[in-house]
Structures are given as C-alpha cells and as structure tokens.
Amino acid sequence: MSHDHEHDHDHGHDHGHDHGQDVPSDTALRVRALESLLIEKGLVDPAALDAIVDTYENKIGPRNGARIVARAWTDPDYKARLMDDATAAIAEMGYAGAQGEHMVVVENTPEVHNLVVCTLCSCYPWPVLGLPPVWYKSSAYRSRAVIEPRRVLSEFGVTVADDVAVRVWDSTAELRYLVVPSRPAGTEGMDEEALADLVTRDSMIGTGLALAPEVSP
C-alpha cells in the first residue's frame, strides 16, 4: 500500500457477473439494437437520444445524490446518520433500490481526498448517481485510478496538494461508495436546494470538486 492512497479491498468482488471483458450485457445489446433501428427508421434523432442519455447521466440521476450531500452539509444530525449507516440515511430521503442496497459514504476533508473506482467492472450506485459515465466503465480508469490516482485526478482537472492523502475506494456488489465533497467557501447563507446545485456527479465520485457559488455582480 503506497503512502498517498489506500485501496479498500476488505470485501471480495463477488459481483455475480463476468469481469473478464467489457462485454455488453444482453440487455445493453438489445437496447443498442433498438436504438439503431429507431435511428435507421428516422423515428429518433441521434442528437435527441444523446440529450436524453446526458440528462439521466448528468442531471436527473445525480440530483438525488446532490440533495443528500446538501443535507449532510446543512444538518449535522443527518450527516452523522449518513456516515454511520449510509443505506438507511439515503433511504430516509426516498432514494433506494437496485444497485444502492449497501452504501458507504466517505467524506473529503482538508487531510483526505476520496476517489471511487470499481476495478473489476463498473459497480455504481444508480439510485443516487444515475447512469455511470462511459469513462467510469473504461479499463483505463479502472486500472489507473488505483495505480496513479493523483495523475488521474490531474487529468480531470483536480489538483490535490502534497499534504492531502488520496484514498481510493473499490466498489463491489456488496459495497458502493458515495463521496461527500468539501463544502465550497462562501456558501454559508445558501439553502439546501441552492447547495445541491453546486454538487456535481464527478464530485460524488471524487474525480471533481463541488462548484464554487456564483457571485452576483
């Protein structure tokens, strides 16, 4: 284990599916075939399809997680429950279901930056983050995030100071992780809804930071 990151391997990767190759599932193949047919028949505009996917990947899905983070930032009691039993605390907010049964929340601090990866496939907490981005499922991210997390973060535009440890968490079918990013400065008077607007999908994976609030002229 290197000095600058910890790789959480306490739980086996018994995902219940093959990890040898990034082969699409039967469902994914059927979806692609249907998409191709709809596009070929002129029933669906590829740009519109991309926009729908983008909406679920970056807006609707991660909005659930953003509300959880905003609640944790503003409600110490909720944050304590979230850190103690994330699955139950997330269910309190009405977000539960497949791919989100066993959740662990890790918090970024001035001393630690957390990064989530699934080295053997792409386990991802769908109820709070929506669709996994393509790069999360790529073999390059899955291997390099563990080997050289600081370099990977820099490629996402995130610079971690030398005195801040980078801790890498490996998701499995048994445990899926959600990062609570550091609350940005200058947000003291903002309500939960406004704070949730600052929480990006990438910040809840650890490949990004929460957004700084816009300053009115």
C-alpha atoms as a PDB file:
ATOM      1  CA  MET A   1       0.000   0.000   0.000  1.00  0.00           C
ATOM      2  CA  SER A   2       1.509   3.315  -1.043  1.00  0.00           C
ATOM      3  CA  HIS A   3       1.712   6.343   1.199  1.00  0.00           C
ATOM      4  CA  ASP A   4      -0.666   8.506  -0.779  1.00  0.00           C
ATOM      5  CA  HIS A   5      -3.646   6.209  -1.231  1.00  0.00           C
ATOM      6  CA  GLU A   6      -5.428   3.362   0.455  1.00  0.00           C
ATOM      7  CA  HIS A   7      -7.089   0.669  -1.603  1.00  0.00           C
ATOM      8  CA  ASP A   8     -10.130  -0.762   0.131  1.00  0.00           C
ATOM      9  CA  HIS A   9     -10.063  -4.494  -0.584  1.00  0.00           C
ATOM     10  CA  ASP A  10     -11.716  -5.767   2.571  1.00  0.00           C
ATOM     11  CA  HIS A  11     -14.657  -7.095   0.581  1.00  0.00           C
ATOM     12  CA  GLY A  12     -14.479  -9.627  -2.229  1.00  0.00           C
ATOM     13  CA  HIS A  13     -15.580  -8.813  -5.741  1.00  0.00           C
ATOM     14  CA  ASP A  14     -18.380 -11.353  -5.935  1.00  0.00           C
ATOM     15  CA  HIS A  15     -20.450  -9.266  -8.325  1.00  0.00           C
ATOM     16  CA  GLY A  16     -22.365 -12.178  -9.743  1.00  0.00           C
ATOM     17  CA  HIS A  17     -21.263 -11.456 -13.304  1.00  0.00           C
ATOM     18  CA  ASP A  18     -18.224 -11.873 -15.504  1.00  0.00           C
ATOM     19  CA  HIS A  19     -15.474  -9.283 -15.280  1.00  0.00           C
ATOM     20  CA  GLY A  20     -13.078 -10.681 -17.826  1.00  0.00           C
ATOM     21  CA  GLN A  21     -14.104  -8.379 -20.632  1.00  0.00           C
ATOM     22  CA  ASP A  22     -16.123  -5.211 -21.060  1.00  0.00           C
ATOM     23  CA  VAL A  23     -18.737  -7.149 -22.997  1.00  0.00           C
ATOM     24  CA  PRO A  24     -22.161  -5.502 -23.143  1.00  0.00           C
ATOM     25  CA  SER A  25     -24.920  -7.390 -21.360  1.00  0.00           C
ATOM     26  CA  ASP A  26     -27.775  -8.915 -23.336  1.00  0.00           C
ATOM     27  CA  THR A  27     -29.963  -6.035 -22.202  1.00  0.00           C
ATOM     28  CA  ALA A  28     -27.412  -3.453 -23.369  1.00  0.00           C
ATOM     29  CA  LEU A  29     -27.135  -5.193 -26.725  1.00  0.00           C
ATOM     30  CA  ARG A  30     -30.914  -5.192 -27.126  1.00  0.00           C
ATOM     31  CA  VAL A  31     -31.026  -1.506 -26.230  1.00  0.00           C
ATOM     32  CA  ARG A  32     -28.350  -0.718 -28.811  1.00  0.00           C
ATOM     33  CA  ALA A  33     -30.176  -2.730 -31.463  1.00  0.00           C
ATOM     34  CA  LEU A  34     -33.397  -0.868 -30.689  1.00  0.00           C
ATOM     35  CA  GLU A  35     -31.601   2.475 -30.807  1.00  0.00           C
ATOM     36  CA  SER A  36     -30.068   1.605 -34.171  1.00  0.00           C
ATOM     37  CA  LEU A  37     -33.421   0.563 -35.564  1.00  0.00           C
ATOM     38  CA  LEU A  38     -35.170   3.703 -34.333  1.00  0.00           C
ATOM     39  CA  ILE A  39     -32.446   5.902 -35.780  1.00  0.00           C
ATOM     40  CA  GLU A  40     -32.422   3.975 -39.073  1.00  0.00           C
ATOM     41  CA  LYS A  41     -36.197   4.340 -39.422  1.00  0.00           C
ATOM     42  CA  GLY A  42     -35.899   8.051 -38.743  1.00  0.00           C
ATOM     43  CA  LEU A  43     -38.021   7.785 -35.609  1.00  0.00           C
ATOM     44  CA  VAL A  44     -35.357   9.099 -33.256  1.00  0.00           C
ATOM     45  CA  ASP A  45     -32.854  11.870 -33.822  1.00  0.00           C
ATOM     46  CA  PRO A  46     -29.412  10.686 -32.612  1.00  0.00           C
ATOM     47  CA  ALA A  47     -28.831  14.128 -31.064  1.00  0.00           C
ATOM     48  CA  ALA A  48     -32.095  13.862 -29.142  1.00  0.00           C
ATOM     49  CA  LEU A  49     -31.105  10.392 -27.926  1.00  0.00           C
ATOM     50  CA  ASP A  50     -27.750  11.728 -26.762  1.00  0.00           C
ATOM     51  CA  ALA A  51     -29.548  14.547 -24.940  1.00  0.00           C
ATOM     52  CA  ILE A  52     -31.794  12.070 -23.126  1.00  0.00           C
ATOM     53  CA  VAL A  53     -28.822   9.965 -22.045  1.00  0.00           C
ATOM     54  CA  ASP A  54     -26.984  13.101 -20.912  1.00  0.00           C
ATOM     55  CA  THR A  55     -29.998  14.164 -18.871  1.00  0.00           C
ATOM     56  CA  TYR A  56     -30.147  10.888 -16.964  1.00  0.00           C
ATOM     57  CA  GLU A  57     -26.383  10.599 -16.655  1.00  0.00           C
ATOM     58  CA  ASN A  58     -25.639  14.137 -15.510  1.00  0.00           C
ATOM     59  CA  LYS A  59     -28.850  15.758 -14.269  1.00  0.00           C
ATOM     60  CA  ILE A  60     -31.748  13.606 -13.051  1.00  0.00           C
ATOM     61  CA  GLY A  61     -29.759  10.745 -11.510  1.00  0.00           C
ATOM     62  CA  PRO A  62     -27.012  12.709  -9.738  1.00  0.00           C
ATOM     63  CA  ARG A  63     -29.584  15.193  -8.457  1.00  0.00           C
ATOM     64  CA  ASN A  64     -30.571  12.621  -5.839  1.00  0.00           C
ATOM     65  CA  GLY A  65     -27.017  12.350  -4.572  1.00  0.00           C
ATOM     66  CA  ALA A  66     -26.635  16.129  -4.674  1.00  0.00           C
ATOM     67  CA  ARG A  67     -29.596  16.531  -2.322  1.00  0.00           C
ATOM     68  CA  ILE A  68     -28.046  14.011   0.075  1.00  0.00           C
ATOM     69  CA  VAL A  69     -24.766  15.937   0.091  1.00  0.00           C
ATOM     70  CA  ALA A  70     -26.554  19.262   0.599  1.00  0.00           C
ATOM     71  CA  ARG A  71     -28.487  17.792   3.536  1.00  0.00           C
ATOM     72  CA  ALA A  72     -25.256  16.483   5.043  1.00  0.00           C
ATOM     73  CA  TRP A  73     -23.647  19.919   4.665  1.00  0.00           C
ATOM     74  CA  THR A  74     -26.509  21.647   6.490  1.00  0.00           C
ATOM     75  CA  ASP A  75     -27.786  19.079   9.003  1.00  0.00           C
ATOM     76  CA  PRO A  76     -25.170  17.659  11.411  1.00  0.00           C
ATOM     77  CA  ASP A  77     -27.590  15.034  12.748  1.00  0.00           C
ATOM     78  CA  TYR A  78     -28.344  13.773   9.251  1.00  0.00           C
ATOM     79  CA  LYS A  79     -24.652  13.754   8.403  1.00  0.00           C
ATOM     80  CA  ALA A  80     -23.933  11.637  11.487  1.00  0.00           C
ATOM     81  CA  ARG A  81     -26.603   9.126  10.428  1.00  0.00           C
ATOM     82  CA  LEU A  82     -25.248   9.150   6.883  1.00  0.00           C
ATOM     83  CA  MET A  83     -21.718   8.381   7.999  1.00  0.00           C
ATOM     84  CA  ASP A  84     -22.941   5.716  10.436  1.00  0.00           C
ATOM     85  CA  ASP A  85     -25.448   3.908   8.189  1.00  0.00           C
ATOM     86  CA  ALA A  86     -25.480   5.369   4.694  1.00  0.00           C
ATOM     87  CA  THR A  87     -28.006   2.913   3.279  1.00  0.00           C
ATOM     88  CA  ALA A  88     -30.607   3.809   5.902  1.00  0.00           C
ATOM     89  CA  ALA A  89     -29.905   7.545   5.784  1.00  0.00           C
ATOM     90  CA  ILE A  90     -30.186   7.577   1.992  1.00  0.00           C
ATOM     91  CA  ALA A  91     -33.447   5.621   2.218  1.00  0.00           C
ATOM     92  CA  GLU A  92     -34.751   8.357   4.566  1.00  0.00           C
ATOM     93  CA  MET A  93     -34.540  10.703   1.592  1.00  0.00           C
ATOM     94  CA  GLY A  94     -36.554   8.298  -0.538  1.00  0.00           C
ATOM     95  CA  TYR A  95     -33.660   7.011  -2.624  1.00  0.00           C
ATOM     96  CA  ALA A  96     -33.278   3.257  -2.602  1.00  0.00           C
ATOM     97  CA  GLY A  97     -33.444   0.298  -4.924  1.00  0.00           C
ATOM     98  CA  ALA A  98     -31.276  -1.948  -7.039  1.00  0.00           C
ATOM     99  CA  GLN A  99     -27.577  -1.062  -7.127  1.00  0.00           C
ATOM    100  CA  GLY A 100     -27.971   1.007  -3.977  1.00  0.00           C
ATOM    101  CA  GLU A 101     -28.654  -1.559  -1.278  1.00  0.00           C
ATOM    102  CA  HIS A 102     -25.302  -1.400   0.504  1.00  0.00           C
ATOM    103  CA  MET A 103     -23.934   2.124   0.586  1.00  0.00           C
ATOM    104  CA  VAL A 104     -20.949   3.645   2.363  1.00  0.00           C
ATOM    105  CA  VAL A 105     -20.346   7.393   2.456  1.00  0.00           C
ATOM    106  CA  VAL A 106     -16.832   8.807   2.668  1.00  0.00           C
ATOM    107  CA  GLU A 107     -16.115  12.475   3.282  1.00  0.00           C
ATOM    108  CA  ASN A 108     -13.468  14.696   1.742  1.00  0.00           C
ATOM    109  CA  THR A 109     -11.584  16.695   4.358  1.00  0.00           C
ATOM    110  CA  PRO A 110      -8.578  19.033   4.368  1.00  0.00           C
ATOM    111  CA  GLU A 111      -6.470  15.917   5.010  1.00  0.00           C
ATOM    112  CA  VAL A 112      -8.050  13.349   2.657  1.00  0.00           C
ATOM    113  CA  HIS A 113      -9.450  13.300  -0.874  1.00  0.00           C
ATOM    114  CA  ASN A 114     -11.533  10.236  -1.720  1.00  0.00           C
ATOM    115  CA  LEU A 115     -11.784   8.603  -5.141  1.00  0.00           C
ATOM    116  CA  VAL A 116     -14.189   5.808  -6.126  1.00  0.00           C
ATOM    117  CA  VAL A 117     -13.481   3.111  -8.684  1.00  0.00           C
ATOM    118  CA  CYS A 118     -14.680  -0.402  -9.442  1.00  0.00           C
ATOM    119  CA  THR A 119     -11.577  -2.243 -10.583  1.00  0.00           C
ATOM    120  CA  LEU A 120     -13.251  -5.426 -11.830  1.00  0.00           C
ATOM    121  CA  CYS A 121     -16.280  -3.999 -13.607  1.00  0.00           C
ATOM    122  CA  SER A 122     -18.404  -0.898 -13.059  1.00  0.00           C
ATOM    123  CA  CYS A 123     -20.446  -1.234  -9.854  1.00  0.00           C
ATOM    124  CA  TYR A 124     -22.109   2.124  -9.365  1.00  0.00           C
ATOM    125  CA  PRO A 125     -24.813   3.471  -7.013  1.00  0.00           C
ATOM    126  CA  TRP A 126     -27.573   4.080  -9.565  1.00  0.00           C
ATOM    127  CA  PRO A 127     -30.252   5.408  -7.122  1.00  0.00           C
ATOM    128  CA  VAL A 128     -28.044   8.352  -6.124  1.00  0.00           C
ATOM    129  CA  LEU A 129     -25.834   8.879  -9.180  1.00  0.00           C
ATOM    130  CA  GLY A 130     -27.951   7.781 -12.145  1.00  0.00           C
ATOM    131  CA  LEU A 131     -26.211   6.238 -15.150  1.00  0.00           C
ATOM    132  CA  PRO A 132     -22.470   5.603 -14.856  1.00  0.00           C
ATOM    133  CA  PRO A 133     -20.396   7.716 -17.243  1.00  0.00           C
ATOM    134  CA  VAL A 134     -18.573   5.911 -20.034  1.00  0.00           C
ATOM    135  CA  TRP A 135     -15.146   6.717 -18.598  1.00  0.00           C
ATOM    136  CA  TYR A 136     -16.054   5.125 -15.248  1.00  0.00           C
ATOM    137  CA  LYS A 137     -16.532   1.794 -17.024  1.00  0.00           C
ATOM    138  CA  SER A 138     -13.339   2.043 -19.082  1.00  0.00           C
ATOM    139  CA  SER A 139     -10.472  -0.313 -18.324  1.00  0.00           C
ATOM    140  CA  ALA A 140      -8.058   2.645 -18.332  1.00  0.00           C
ATOM    141  CA  TYR A 141      -9.862   4.415 -15.484  1.00  0.00           C
ATOM    142  CA  ARG A 142     -10.410   1.195 -13.555  1.00  0.00           C
ATOM    143  CA  SER A 143      -6.724   0.318 -13.573  1.00  0.00           C
ATOM    144  CA  ARG A 144      -5.069   3.732 -13.462  1.00  0.00           C
ATOM    145  CA  ALA A 145      -7.261   5.125 -10.670  1.00  0.00           C
ATOM    146  CA  VAL A 146      -5.626   2.604  -8.353  1.00  0.00           C
ATOM    147  CA  ILE A 147      -2.077   2.780  -9.697  1.00  0.00           C
ATOM    148  CA  GLU A 148      -1.725   6.534 -10.183  1.00  0.00           C
ATOM    149  CA  PRO A 149      -4.737   8.277  -8.632  1.00  0.00           C
ATOM    150  CA  ARG A 150      -3.087  11.705  -8.430  1.00  0.00           C
ATOM    151  CA  ARG A 151      -2.296  11.699 -12.131  1.00  0.00           C
ATOM    152  CA  VAL A 152      -5.830  10.571 -12.975  1.00  0.00           C
ATOM    153  CA  LEU A 153      -7.234  13.369 -10.803  1.00  0.00           C
ATOM    154  CA  SER A 154      -4.998  15.898 -12.518  1.00  0.00           C
ATOM    155  CA  GLU A 155      -6.375  14.769 -15.868  1.00  0.00           C
ATOM    156  CA  PHE A 156      -9.855  15.560 -14.524  1.00  0.00           C
ATOM    157  CA  GLY A 157      -8.566  18.989 -13.543  1.00  0.00           C
ATOM    158  CA  VAL A 158      -8.331  18.220  -9.822  1.00  0.00           C
ATOM    159  CA  THR A 159      -5.046  19.098  -8.140  1.00  0.00           C
ATOM    160  CA  VAL A 160      -4.545  17.525  -4.735  1.00  0.00           C
ATOM    161  CA  ALA A 161      -1.945  19.138  -2.501  1.00  0.00           C
ATOM    162  CA  ASP A 162       1.038  17.014  -1.494  1.00  0.00           C
ATOM    163  CA  ASP A 163      -0.024  17.047   2.152  1.00  0.00           C
ATOM    164  CA  VAL A 164      -3.503  15.673   1.296  1.00  0.00           C
ATOM    165  CA  ALA A 165      -3.782  11.889   1.108  1.00  0.00           C
ATOM    166  CA  VAL A 166      -5.689  10.323  -1.799  1.00  0.00           C
ATOM    167  CA  ARG A 167      -7.773   7.371  -0.646  1.00  0.00           C
ATOM    168  CA  VAL A 168      -9.094   5.017  -3.318  1.00  0.00           C
ATOM    169  CA  TRP A 169     -12.269   3.043  -2.586  1.00  0.00           C
ATOM    170  CA  ASP A 170     -13.038  -0.037  -4.653  1.00  0.00           C
ATOM    171  CA  SER A 171     -16.766  -0.590  -5.164  1.00  0.00           C
ATOM    172  CA  THR A 172     -18.176  -4.103  -5.170  1.00  0.00           C
ATOM    173  CA  ALA A 173     -21.615  -5.665  -5.387  1.00  0.00           C
ATOM    174  CA  GLU A 174     -21.566  -5.658  -1.571  1.00  0.00           C
ATOM    175  CA  LEU A 175     -20.470  -2.043  -1.087  1.00  0.00           C
ATOM    176  CA  ARG A 176     -20.907   1.040  -3.212  1.00  0.00           C
ATOM    177  CA  TYR A 177     -19.445   4.381  -2.255  1.00  0.00           C
ATOM    178  CA  LEU A 178     -20.641   7.969  -2.343  1.00  0.00           C
ATOM    179  CA  VAL A 179     -18.204  10.824  -1.738  1.00  0.00           C
ATOM    180  CA  VAL A 180     -19.340  13.884   0.210  1.00  0.00           C
ATOM    181  CA  PRO A 181     -17.195  16.618  -1.342  1.00  0.00           C
ATOM    182  CA  SER A 182     -15.888  19.516   0.708  1.00  0.00           C
ATOM    183  CA  ARG A 183     -18.408  22.319   1.028  1.00  0.00           C
ATOM    184  CA  PRO A 184     -17.237  25.323  -1.021  1.00  0.00           C
ATOM    185  CA  ALA A 185     -16.346  28.553   0.725  1.00  0.00           C
ATOM    186  CA  GLY A 186     -18.862  31.364   0.557  1.00  0.00           C
ATOM    187  CA  THR A 187     -21.927  29.126   0.830  1.00  0.00           C
ATOM    188  CA  GLU A 188     -22.833  29.821   4.453  1.00  0.00           C
ATOM    189  CA  GLY A 189     -26.157  31.516   3.704  1.00  0.00           C
ATOM    190  CA  MET A 190     -27.345  29.145   0.983  1.00  0.00           C
ATOM    191  CA  ASP A 191     -30.295  26.782   1.433  1.00  0.00           C
ATOM    192  CA  GLU A 192     -30.231  23.067   0.604  1.00  0.00           C
ATOM    193  CA  GLU A 193     -31.677  23.435  -2.883  1.00  0.00           C
ATOM    194  CA  ALA A 194     -29.105  26.043  -3.863  1.00  0.00           C
ATOM    195  CA  LEU A 195     -26.315  23.984  -2.326  1.00  0.00           C
ATOM    196  CA  ALA A 196     -27.439  20.908  -4.264  1.00  0.00           C
ATOM    197  CA  ASP A 197     -26.887  22.886  -7.467  1.00  0.00           C
ATOM    198  CA  LEU A 198     -23.186  23.027  -6.573  1.00  0.00           C
ATOM    199  CA  VAL A 199     -22.806  19.255  -6.212  1.00  0.00           C
ATOM    200  CA  THR A 200     -21.707  17.592  -9.440  1.00  0.00           C
ATOM    201  CA  ARG A 201     -21.781  13.922 -10.314  1.00  0.00           C
ATOM    202  CA  ASP A 202     -17.991  13.857 -10.564  1.00  0.00           C
ATOM    203  CA  SER A 203     -17.608  15.427  -7.124  1.00  0.00           C
ATOM    204  CA  MET A 204     -19.570  12.486  -5.666  1.00  0.00           C
ATOM    205  CA  ILE A 205     -17.198  10.022  -7.392  1.00  0.00           C
ATOM    206  CA  GLY A 206     -14.146  12.021  -6.359  1.00  0.00           C
ATOM    207  CA  THR A 207     -12.996  12.971  -9.851  1.00  0.00           C
ATOM    208  CA  GLY A 208     -14.279  16.507  -9.351  1.00  0.00           C
ATOM    209  CA  LEU A 209     -14.950  19.148  -6.715  1.00  0.00           C
ATOM    210  CA  ALA A 210     -18.161  20.881  -5.751  1.00  0.00           C
ATOM    211  CA  LEU A 211     -18.722  24.089  -7.692  1.00  0.00           C
ATOM    212  CA  ALA A 212     -17.998  27.494  -6.256  1.00  0.00           C
ATOM    213  CA  PRO A 213     -21.105  29.641  -5.811  1.00  0.00           C
ATOM    214  CA  GLU A 214     -21.704  32.302  -8.435  1.00  0.00           C
ATOM    215  CA  VAL A 215     -21.049  35.776  -7.116  1.00  0.00           C
ATOM    216  CA  SER A 216     -23.674  38.318  -8.123  1.00  0.00           C
ATOM    217  CA  PRO A 217     -22.231  41.500  -9.610  1.00  0.00           C
END
